[in-house]
């Protein structure tokens, strides 16, 4: 993910409410589970997607922590 894409994503995440962030995190965790399952079955073609989803989850949690301060 390029820097400009990351900044855009963070801007979008900061515009969401706490409930929307929680929903987004749950969606990403389900996607990560599905990707891990595909990787274990040998059907995952883009393995970089795993790391990208993990980092996006971390970004969502960071924004949630900022809102809880």
PDB file of N, CA and C in Angstrom:
ATOM      1  N   UNK A   1       0.848  -1.168   0.000  1.00  0.00           N
ATOM      2  CA  UNK A   1       0.000   0.000   0.000  1.00  0.00           C
ATOM      3  C   UNK A   1       0.892   1.230   0.000  1.00  0.00           C
ATOM      4  N   UNK A   2       0.620   2.127  -0.908  1.00  0.00           N
ATOM      5  CA  UNK A   2       1.426   3.341  -1.015  1.00  0.00           C
ATOM      6  C   UNK A   2       1.077   4.319   0.097  1.00  0.00           C
ATOM      7  N   UNK A   3       1.986   5.237   0.328  1.00  0.00           N
ATOM      8  CA  UNK A   3       1.801   6.218   1.404  1.00  0.00           C
ATOM      9  C   UNK A   3       0.532   7.036   1.198  1.00  0.00           C
ATOM     10  N   UNK A   4       0.278   7.457  -0.025  1.00  0.00           N
ATOM     11  CA  UNK A   4      -0.921   8.260  -0.291  1.00  0.00           C
ATOM     12  C   UNK A   4      -2.193   7.445  -0.030  1.00  0.00           C
ATOM     13  N   UNK A   5      -2.152   6.139  -0.357  1.00  0.00           N
ATOM     14  CA  UNK A   5      -3.304   5.284  -0.080  1.00  0.00           C
ATOM     15  C   UNK A   5      -3.503   5.110   1.419  1.00  0.00           C
ATOM     16  N   UNK A   6      -2.411   4.990   2.146  1.00  0.00           N
ATOM     17  CA  UNK A   6      -2.480   4.841   3.597  1.00  0.00           C
ATOM     18  C   UNK A   6      -3.069   6.087   4.238  1.00  0.00           C
ATOM     19  N   UNK A   7      -2.596   7.254   3.804  1.00  0.00           N
ATOM     20  CA  UNK A   7      -3.123   8.505   4.364  1.00  0.00           C
ATOM     21  C   UNK A   7      -4.604   8.658   4.061  1.00  0.00           C
ATOM     22  N   UNK A   8      -5.006   8.272   2.863  1.00  0.00           N
ATOM     23  CA  UNK A   8      -6.411   8.341   2.485  1.00  0.00           C
ATOM     24  C   UNK A   8      -7.250   7.400   3.343  1.00  0.00           C
ATOM     25  N   UNK A   9      -6.739   6.191   3.566  1.00  0.00           N
ATOM     26  CA  UNK A   9      -7.446   5.216   4.404  1.00  0.00           C
ATOM     27  C   UNK A   9      -7.604   5.747   5.828  1.00  0.00           C
ATOM     28  N   UNK A  10      -6.536   6.300   6.381  1.00  0.00           N
ATOM     29  CA  UNK A  10      -6.604   6.834   7.747  1.00  0.00           C
ATOM     30  C   UNK A  10      -7.596   7.988   7.840  1.00  0.00           C
ATOM     31  N   UNK A  11      -7.626   8.830   6.824  1.00  0.00           N
ATOM     32  CA  UNK A  11      -8.571   9.947   6.807  1.00  0.00           C
ATOM     33  C   UNK A  11     -10.005   9.415   6.814  1.00  0.00           C
ATOM     34  N   UNK A  12     -10.242   8.369   6.005  1.00  0.00           N
ATOM     35  CA  UNK A  12     -11.571   7.762   5.957  1.00  0.00           C
ATOM     36  C   UNK A  12     -11.924   7.101   7.285  1.00  0.00           C
ATOM     37  N   UNK A  13     -10.959   6.406   7.893  1.00  0.00           N
ATOM     38  CA  UNK A  13     -11.219   5.739   9.172  1.00  0.00           C
ATOM     39  C   UNK A  13     -11.521   6.740  10.273  1.00  0.00           C
ATOM     40  N   UNK A  14     -10.817   7.844  10.281  1.00  0.00           N
ATOM     41  CA  UNK A  14     -11.040   8.854  11.334  1.00  0.00           C
ATOM     42  C   UNK A  14     -12.398   9.524  11.200  1.00  0.00           C
ATOM     43  N   UNK A  15     -13.009   9.435  10.026  1.00  0.00           N
ATOM     44  CA  UNK A  15     -14.328  10.024   9.812  1.00  0.00           C
ATOM     45  C   UNK A  15     -15.451   9.107  10.297  1.00  0.00           C
ATOM     46  N   UNK A  16     -15.129   7.853  10.612  1.00  0.00           N
ATOM     47  CA  UNK A  16     -16.138   6.892  11.045  1.00  0.00           C
ATOM     48  C   UNK A  16     -16.424   7.004  12.536  1.00  0.00           C
ATOM     49  N   UNK A  17     -17.611   6.548  12.930  1.00  0.00           N
ATOM     50  CA  UNK A  17     -17.964   6.522  14.347  1.00  0.00           C
ATOM     51  C   UNK A  17     -17.364   5.273  14.989  1.00  0.00           C
ATOM     52  N   UNK A  18     -17.474   5.196  16.302  1.00  0.00           N
ATOM     53  CA  UNK A  18     -16.930   4.058  17.043  1.00  0.00           C
ATOM     54  C   UNK A  18     -17.616   2.760  16.614  1.00  0.00           C
ATOM     55  N   UNK A  19     -18.930   2.814  16.430  1.00  0.00           N
ATOM     56  CA  UNK A  19     -19.675   1.621  16.023  1.00  0.00           C
ATOM     57  C   UNK A  19     -19.258   1.166  14.625  1.00  0.00           C
ATOM     58  N   UNK A  20     -19.077   2.125  13.725  1.00  0.00           N
ATOM     59  CA  UNK A  20     -18.660   1.793  12.362  1.00  0.00           C
ATOM     60  C   UNK A  20     -17.249   1.201  12.350  1.00  0.00           C
ATOM     61  N   UNK A  21     -16.379   1.722  13.211  1.00  0.00           N
ATOM     62  CA  UNK A  21     -15.025   1.168  13.306  1.00  0.00           C
ATOM     63  C   UNK A  21     -15.054  -0.263  13.828  1.00  0.00           C
ATOM     64  N   UNK A  22     -15.913  -0.524  14.794  1.00  0.00           N
ATOM     65  CA  UNK A  22     -16.042  -1.875  15.337  1.00  0.00           C
ATOM     66  C   UNK A  22     -16.548  -2.825  14.258  1.00  0.00           C
ATOM     67  N   UNK A  23     -17.506  -2.373  13.476  1.00  0.00           N
ATOM     68  CA  UNK A  23     -18.027  -3.189  12.375  1.00  0.00           C
ATOM     69  C   UNK A  23     -16.942  -3.445  11.340  1.00  0.00           C
ATOM     70  N   UNK A  24     -16.181  -2.420  11.007  1.00  0.00           N
ATOM     71  CA  UNK A  24     -15.102  -2.544  10.021  1.00  0.00           C
ATOM     72  C   UNK A  24     -14.042  -3.539  10.506  1.00  0.00           C
ATOM     73  N   UNK A  25     -13.724  -3.465  11.807  1.00  0.00           N
ATOM     74  CA  UNK A  25     -12.744  -4.390  12.373  1.00  0.00           C
ATOM     75  C   UNK A  25     -13.241  -5.834  12.277  1.00  0.00           C
ATOM     76  N   UNK A  26     -14.510  -6.056  12.573  1.00  0.00           N
ATOM     77  CA  UNK A  26     -15.077  -7.403  12.490  1.00  0.00           C
ATOM     78  C   UNK A  26     -15.037  -7.927  11.056  1.00  0.00           C
ATOM     79  N   UNK A  27     -15.338  -7.062  10.095  1.00  0.00           N
ATOM     80  CA  UNK A  27     -15.285  -7.462   8.682  1.00  0.00           C
ATOM     81  C   UNK A  27     -13.866  -7.851   8.283  1.00  0.00           C
ATOM     82  N   UNK A  28     -12.902  -7.065   8.731  1.00  0.00           N
ATOM     83  CA  UNK A  28     -11.510  -7.340   8.393  1.00  0.00           C
ATOM     84  C   UNK A  28     -11.023  -8.632   9.040  1.00  0.00           C
ATOM     85  N   UNK A  29     -11.453  -8.893  10.272  1.00  0.00           N
ATOM     86  CA  UNK A  29     -11.061 -10.130  10.944  1.00  0.00           C
ATOM     87  C   UNK A  29     -11.640 -11.345  10.227  1.00  0.00           C
ATOM     88  N   UNK A  30     -12.869 -11.228   9.719  1.00  0.00           N
ATOM     89  CA  UNK A  30     -13.459 -12.327   8.953  1.00  0.00           C
ATOM     90  C   UNK A  30     -12.683 -12.522   7.649  1.00  0.00           C
ATOM     91  N   UNK A  31     -12.326 -11.416   7.001  1.00  0.00           N
ATOM     92  CA  UNK A  31     -11.544 -11.513   5.770  1.00  0.00           C
ATOM     93  C   UNK A  31     -10.187 -12.173   6.034  1.00  0.00           C
ATOM     94  N   UNK A  32      -9.553 -11.810   7.146  1.00  0.00           N
ATOM     95  CA  UNK A  32      -8.270 -12.402   7.505  1.00  0.00           C
ATOM     96  C   UNK A  32      -8.424 -13.905   7.750  1.00  0.00           C
ATOM     97  N   UNK A  33      -9.488 -14.301   8.422  1.00  0.00           N
ATOM     98  CA  UNK A  33      -9.741 -15.720   8.647  1.00  0.00           C
ATOM     99  C   UNK A  33      -9.880 -16.454   7.317  1.00  0.00           C
ATOM    100  N   UNK A  34     -10.660 -15.879   6.407  1.00  0.00           N
ATOM    101  CA  UNK A  34     -10.860 -16.499   5.098  1.00  0.00           C
ATOM    102  C   UNK A  34      -9.543 -16.604   4.328  1.00  0.00           C
ATOM    103  N   UNK A  35      -8.725 -15.564   4.401  1.00  0.00           N
ATOM    104  CA  UNK A  35      -7.442 -15.592   3.704  1.00  0.00           C
ATOM    105  C   UNK A  35      -6.513 -16.652   4.296  1.00  0.00           C
ATOM    106  N   UNK A  36      -6.512 -16.769   5.613  1.00  0.00           N
ATOM    107  CA  UNK A  36      -5.683 -17.798   6.259  1.00  0.00           C
ATOM    108  C   UNK A  36      -6.142 -19.199   5.862  1.00  0.00           C
ATOM    109  N   UNK A  37      -7.441 -19.370   5.768  1.00  0.00           N
ATOM    110  CA  UNK A  37      -7.988 -20.655   5.355  1.00  0.00           C
ATOM    111  C   UNK A  37      -7.564 -20.978   3.920  1.00  0.00           C
ATOM    112  N   UNK A  38      -7.632 -19.979   3.046  1.00  0.00           N
ATOM    113  CA  UNK A  38      -7.207 -20.173   1.662  1.00  0.00           C
ATOM    114  C   UNK A  38      -5.718 -20.500   1.589  1.00  0.00           C
ATOM    115  N   UNK A  39      -4.919 -19.825   2.411  1.00  0.00           N
ATOM    116  CA  UNK A  39      -3.473 -20.069   2.410  1.00  0.00           C
ATOM    117  C   UNK A  39      -3.175 -21.491   2.867  1.00  0.00           C
ATOM    118  N   UNK A  40      -3.895 -21.959   3.877  1.00  0.00           N
ATOM    119  CA  UNK A  40      -3.676 -23.305   4.386  1.00  0.00           C
ATOM    120  C   UNK A  40      -4.086 -24.359   3.360  1.00  0.00           C
ATOM    121  N   UNK A  41      -5.097 -24.021   2.576  1.00  0.00           N
ATOM    122  CA  UNK A  41      -5.575 -24.958   1.556  1.00  0.00           C
ATOM    123  C   UNK A  41      -4.759 -24.857   0.269  1.00  0.00           C
ATOM    124  N   UNK A  42      -3.863 -23.882   0.211  1.00  0.00           N
ATOM    125  CA  UNK A  42      -3.024 -23.711  -0.970  1.00  0.00           C
ATOM    126  C   UNK A  42      -3.722 -23.015  -2.117  1.00  0.00           C
ATOM    127  N   UNK A  43      -4.814 -22.303  -1.835  1.00  0.00           N
ATOM    128  CA  UNK A  43      -5.563 -21.627  -2.888  1.00  0.00           C
ATOM    129  C   UNK A  43      -5.332 -20.121  -2.916  1.00  0.00           C
ATOM    130  N   UNK A  44      -4.517 -19.586  -2.013  1.00  0.00           N
ATOM    131  CA  UNK A  44      -4.281 -18.144  -1.956  1.00  0.00           C
ATOM    132  C   UNK A  44      -3.192 -17.765  -2.951  1.00  0.00           C
ATOM    133  N   UNK A  45      -3.545 -16.911  -3.905  1.00  0.00           N
ATOM    134  CA  UNK A  45      -2.585 -16.500  -4.927  1.00  0.00           C
ATOM    135  C   UNK A  45      -1.801 -15.259  -4.507  1.00  0.00           C
ATOM    136  N   UNK A  46      -2.466 -14.309  -3.851  1.00  0.00           N
ATOM    137  CA  UNK A  46      -1.818 -13.065  -3.456  1.00  0.00           C
ATOM    138  C   UNK A  46      -1.536 -13.112  -1.957  1.00  0.00           C
ATOM    139  N   UNK A  47      -0.377 -13.632  -1.586  1.00  0.00           N
ATOM    140  CA  UNK A  47      -0.058 -13.794  -0.167  1.00  0.00           C
ATOM    141  C   UNK A  47       0.188 -12.456   0.529  1.00  0.00           C
ATOM    142  N   UNK A  48       0.483 -11.422  -0.215  1.00  0.00           N
ATOM    143  CA  UNK A  48       0.696 -10.096   0.375  1.00  0.00           C
ATOM    144  C   UNK A  48      -0.598  -9.534   0.963  1.00  0.00           C
ATOM    145  N   UNK A  49      -1.720 -10.056   0.506  1.00  0.00           N
ATOM    146  CA  UNK A  49      -3.013  -9.601   1.016  1.00  0.00           C
ATOM    147  C   UNK A  49      -3.156  -9.891   2.512  1.00  0.00           C
ATOM    148  N   UNK A  50      -2.548 -10.977   2.982  1.00  0.00           N
ATOM    149  CA  UNK A  50      -2.579 -11.303   4.412  1.00  0.00           C
ATOM    150  C   UNK A  50      -1.979 -10.168   5.241  1.00  0.00           C
ATOM    151  N   UNK A  51      -0.780  -9.742   4.864  1.00  0.00           N
ATOM    152  CA  UNK A  51      -0.111  -8.667   5.610  1.00  0.00           C
ATOM    153  C   UNK A  51      -0.878  -7.355   5.505  1.00  0.00           C
ATOM    154  N   UNK A  52      -1.453  -7.099   4.345  1.00  0.00           N
ATOM    155  CA  UNK A  52      -2.203  -5.858   4.147  1.00  0.00           C
ATOM    156  C   UNK A  52      -3.421  -5.807   5.063  1.00  0.00           C
ATOM    157  N   UNK A  53      -4.131  -6.922   5.171  1.00  0.00           N
ATOM    158  CA  UNK A  53      -5.316  -6.967   6.033  1.00  0.00           C
ATOM    159  C   UNK A  53      -4.916  -6.835   7.499  1.00  0.00           C
ATOM    160  N   UNK A  54      -3.832  -7.493   7.897  1.00  0.00           N
ATOM    161  CA  UNK A  54      -3.351  -7.376   9.282  1.00  0.00           C
ATOM    162  C   UNK A  54      -3.022  -5.925   9.622  1.00  0.00           C
ATOM    163  N   UNK A  55      -2.351  -5.239   8.716  1.00  0.00           N
ATOM    164  CA  UNK A  55      -1.981  -3.843   8.957  1.00  0.00           C
ATOM    165  C   UNK A  55      -3.203  -2.938   9.000  1.00  0.00           C
ATOM    166  N   UNK A  56      -4.194  -3.239   8.169  1.00  0.00           N
ATOM    167  CA  UNK A  56      -5.419  -2.445   8.185  1.00  0.00           C
ATOM    168  C   UNK A  56      -6.161  -2.629   9.504  1.00  0.00           C
ATOM    169  N   UNK A  57      -6.173  -3.851  10.023  1.00  0.00           N
ATOM    170  CA  UNK A  57      -6.785  -4.097  11.332  1.00  0.00           C
ATOM    171  C   UNK A  57      -6.066  -3.277  12.398  1.00  0.00           C
ATOM    172  N   UNK A  58      -4.752  -3.239  12.341  1.00  0.00           N
ATOM    173  CA  UNK A  58      -3.980  -2.460  13.312  1.00  0.00           C
ATOM    174  C   UNK A  58      -4.298  -0.975  13.182  1.00  0.00           C
ATOM    175  N   UNK A  59      -4.487  -0.512  11.967  1.00  0.00           N
ATOM    176  CA  UNK A  59      -4.831   0.908  11.769  1.00  0.00           C
ATOM    177  C   UNK A  59      -6.202   1.226  12.362  1.00  0.00           C
ATOM    178  N   UNK A  60      -7.154   0.317  12.170  1.00  0.00           N
ATOM    179  CA  UNK A  60      -8.495   0.511  12.740  1.00  0.00           C
ATOM    180  C   UNK A  60      -8.408   0.562  14.255  1.00  0.00           C
ATOM    181  N   UNK A  61      -7.642  -0.350  14.853  1.00  0.00           N
ATOM    182  CA  UNK A  61      -7.494  -0.359  16.313  1.00  0.00           C
ATOM    183  C   UNK A  61      -6.801   0.901  16.818  1.00  0.00           C
ATOM    184  N   UNK A  62      -5.853   1.431  16.048  1.00  0.00           N
ATOM    185  CA  UNK A  62      -5.180   2.666  16.426  1.00  0.00           C
ATOM    186  C   UNK A  62      -6.159   3.830  16.444  1.00  0.00           C
ATOM    187  N   UNK A  63      -7.000   3.916  15.435  1.00  0.00           N
ATOM    188  CA  UNK A  63      -7.996   4.987  15.379  1.00  0.00           C
ATOM    189  C   UNK A  63      -8.992   4.843  16.521  1.00  0.00           C
ATOM    190  N   UNK A  64      -9.380   3.595  16.840  1.00  0.00           N
ATOM    191  CA  UNK A  64     -10.271   3.371  17.974  1.00  0.00           C
ATOM    192  C   UNK A  64      -9.628   3.853  19.277  1.00  0.00           C
ATOM    193  N   UNK A  65      -8.349   3.587  19.445  1.00  0.00           N
ATOM    194  CA  UNK A  65      -7.644   4.025  20.647  1.00  0.00           C
ATOM    195  C   UNK A  65      -7.579   5.550  20.715  1.00  0.00           C
ATOM    196  N   UNK A  66      -7.389   6.189  19.568  1.00  0.00           N
ATOM    197  CA  UNK A  66      -7.366   7.658  19.535  1.00  0.00           C
ATOM    198  C   UNK A  66      -8.714   8.218  19.989  1.00  0.00           C
ATOM    199  N   UNK A  67      -9.791   7.580  19.577  1.00  0.00           N
ATOM    200  CA  UNK A  67     -11.122   8.068  19.944  1.00  0.00           C
ATOM    201  C   UNK A  67     -11.442   7.836  21.411  1.00  0.00           C
ATOM    202  N   UNK A  68     -10.818   6.830  22.015  1.00  0.00           N
ATOM    203  CA  UNK A  68     -11.086   6.503  23.412  1.00  0.00           C
ATOM    204  C   UNK A  68     -10.281   7.353  24.385  1.00  0.00           C
ATOM    205  N   UNK A  69      -9.398   8.183  23.894  1.00  0.00           N
ATOM    206  CA  UNK A  69      -8.590   9.030  24.789  1.00  0.00           C
ATOM    207  C   UNK A  69      -9.415  10.151  25.366  1.00  0.00           C
TER     208      UNK A  69
END
